[in-house]
C-alpha cells in the first residue's frame, strides 16, 4: 500500500498546447503502478508529467510528489529541479 501526495503543479502541468495533465490522467498512470516501490512510483509519475509537458523549459507552478509506501520507504521529487536538470543537459 502507498500514499501518494502531490501539489497542484503536478496535475496542472501543461504541455506546449496549454493542456493540463489532469487528475484523471494522473490517476490512470498511478493505477498501473500497483505493488511498485515508493521510488518506482515517484519516478514513474515524474516521467508521466515530463512526458506530458514535453519540451517546455519550466512548469507554471511548483510540482512536488511524495510517495510513502507501507514498507516505510518514501521518496520526494522536485519536478522543477528535474526539468531544469534535463533542460541543462539538452542545451549542453
Protein backbone atom coordinates (compact mmCIF):
# COMPACT_ATOMS: atom_id res chain seq x y z
CA UNK A 1 0.00 0.00 0.00
CA UNK A 2 1.15 3.52 -0.77
CA UNK A 3 0.12 7.07 -0.05
CA UNK A 4 0.78 9.49 -2.89
CA UNK A 5 0.68 13.21 -2.21
CA UNK A 6 1.26 15.84 -4.85
CA UNK A 7 0.92 19.56 -5.29
CA UNK A 8 -1.47 21.01 -7.84
CA UNK A 9 1.50 21.74 -10.08
CA UNK A 10 1.66 18.02 -10.89
CA UNK A 11 -1.92 17.61 -12.10
CA UNK A 12 -1.93 21.08 -13.65
CA UNK A 13 1.32 20.59 -15.60
CA UNK A 14 0.74 21.90 -19.13
CA UNK A 15 2.11 20.78 -22.45
CA UNK A 16 3.09 23.14 -25.28
CA UNK A 17 -0.57 23.38 -26.32
CA UNK A 18 -1.51 24.60 -22.85
CA UNK A 19 -3.38 21.39 -21.99
CA UNK A 20 -3.24 20.26 -18.37
CA UNK A 21 -2.24 16.72 -17.47
CA UNK A 22 -5.30 16.47 -15.23
CA UNK A 23 -6.20 14.29 -12.27
CA UNK A 24 -7.79 11.53 -14.41
CA UNK A 25 -4.59 11.02 -16.44
CA UNK A 26 -2.54 11.10 -13.26
CA UNK A 27 -4.85 8.53 -11.61
CA UNK A 28 -4.57 6.29 -14.69
CA UNK A 29 -0.76 6.46 -14.55
CA UNK A 30 -0.75 5.65 -10.82
CA UNK A 31 -3.20 2.75 -11.19
CA UNK A 32 -0.69 0.94 -13.41
CA UNK A 33 1.90 1.09 -10.61
CA UNK A 34 0.18 -1.10 -8.01
CA UNK A 35 2.71 -3.04 -5.94
CA UNK A 36 5.70 -0.96 -7.00
CA UNK A 37 8.14 0.60 -4.53
CA UNK A 38 7.80 4.23 -3.45
CA UNK A 39 10.84 5.13 -5.54
CA UNK A 40 9.43 3.40 -8.63
CA UNK A 41 6.08 5.16 -8.21
CA UNK A 42 7.69 8.57 -7.75
CA UNK A 43 9.93 8.03 -10.79
CA UNK A 44 7.03 6.82 -12.97
CA UNK A 45 4.80 9.75 -12.01
CA UNK A 46 7.68 12.14 -12.66
CA UNK A 47 8.21 10.59 -16.08
CA UNK A 48 4.46 10.83 -16.85
CA UNK A 49 4.47 14.53 -16.03
CA UNK A 50 7.63 15.15 -18.04
CA UNK A 51 6.29 13.17 -21.00
CA UNK A 52 3.10 15.25 -20.94
CA UNK A 53 4.99 18.52 -20.56
CA UNK A 54 7.24 17.64 -23.48
CA UNK A 55 9.86 20.22 -24.33
CA UNK A 56 8.65 23.00 -22.03
CA UNK A 57 11.53 24.59 -20.16
CA UNK A 58 9.59 25.19 -16.95
CA UNK A 59 6.32 24.26 -15.30
CA UNK A 60 3.89 27.07 -14.49
CA UNK A 61 3.72 26.04 -10.83
CA UNK A 62 5.81 24.16 -8.30
CA UNK A 63 5.34 20.41 -8.66
CA UNK A 64 6.22 18.04 -5.87
CA UNK A 65 5.40 14.37 -5.37
CA UNK A 66 5.73 12.49 -2.09
CA UNK A 67 5.21 8.74 -2.04
CA UNK A 68 5.08 6.80 1.21
CA UNK A 69 4.82 3.04 1.00
CA UNK A 70 3.80 0.56 3.62
CA UNK A 71 7.37 -0.69 3.97
CA UNK A 72 8.37 2.74 5.23
CA UNK A 73 10.32 3.85 2.17
CA UNK A 74 9.44 7.32 0.97
CA UNK A 75 10.53 9.40 -1.95
CA UNK A 76 10.04 13.06 -2.77
CA UNK A 77 10.60 14.56 -6.18
CA UNK A 78 11.01 18.17 -7.15
CA UNK A 79 9.83 18.19 -10.75
CA UNK A 80 11.04 21.71 -11.42
CA UNK A 81 14.59 20.70 -10.49
CA UNK A 82 14.27 17.64 -12.74
CA UNK A 83 13.13 19.79 -15.66
CA UNK A 84 15.94 22.30 -15.10
CA UNK A 85 18.44 19.45 -15.00
CA UNK A 86 17.02 17.90 -18.17
CA UNK A 87 16.99 21.27 -19.92
CA UNK A 88 20.61 21.95 -18.95
CA UNK A 89 21.67 18.56 -20.34
CA UNK A 90 19.77 19.11 -23.59
CA UNK A 91 21.31 22.56 -24.15
CA UNK A 92 24.90 21.43 -23.48
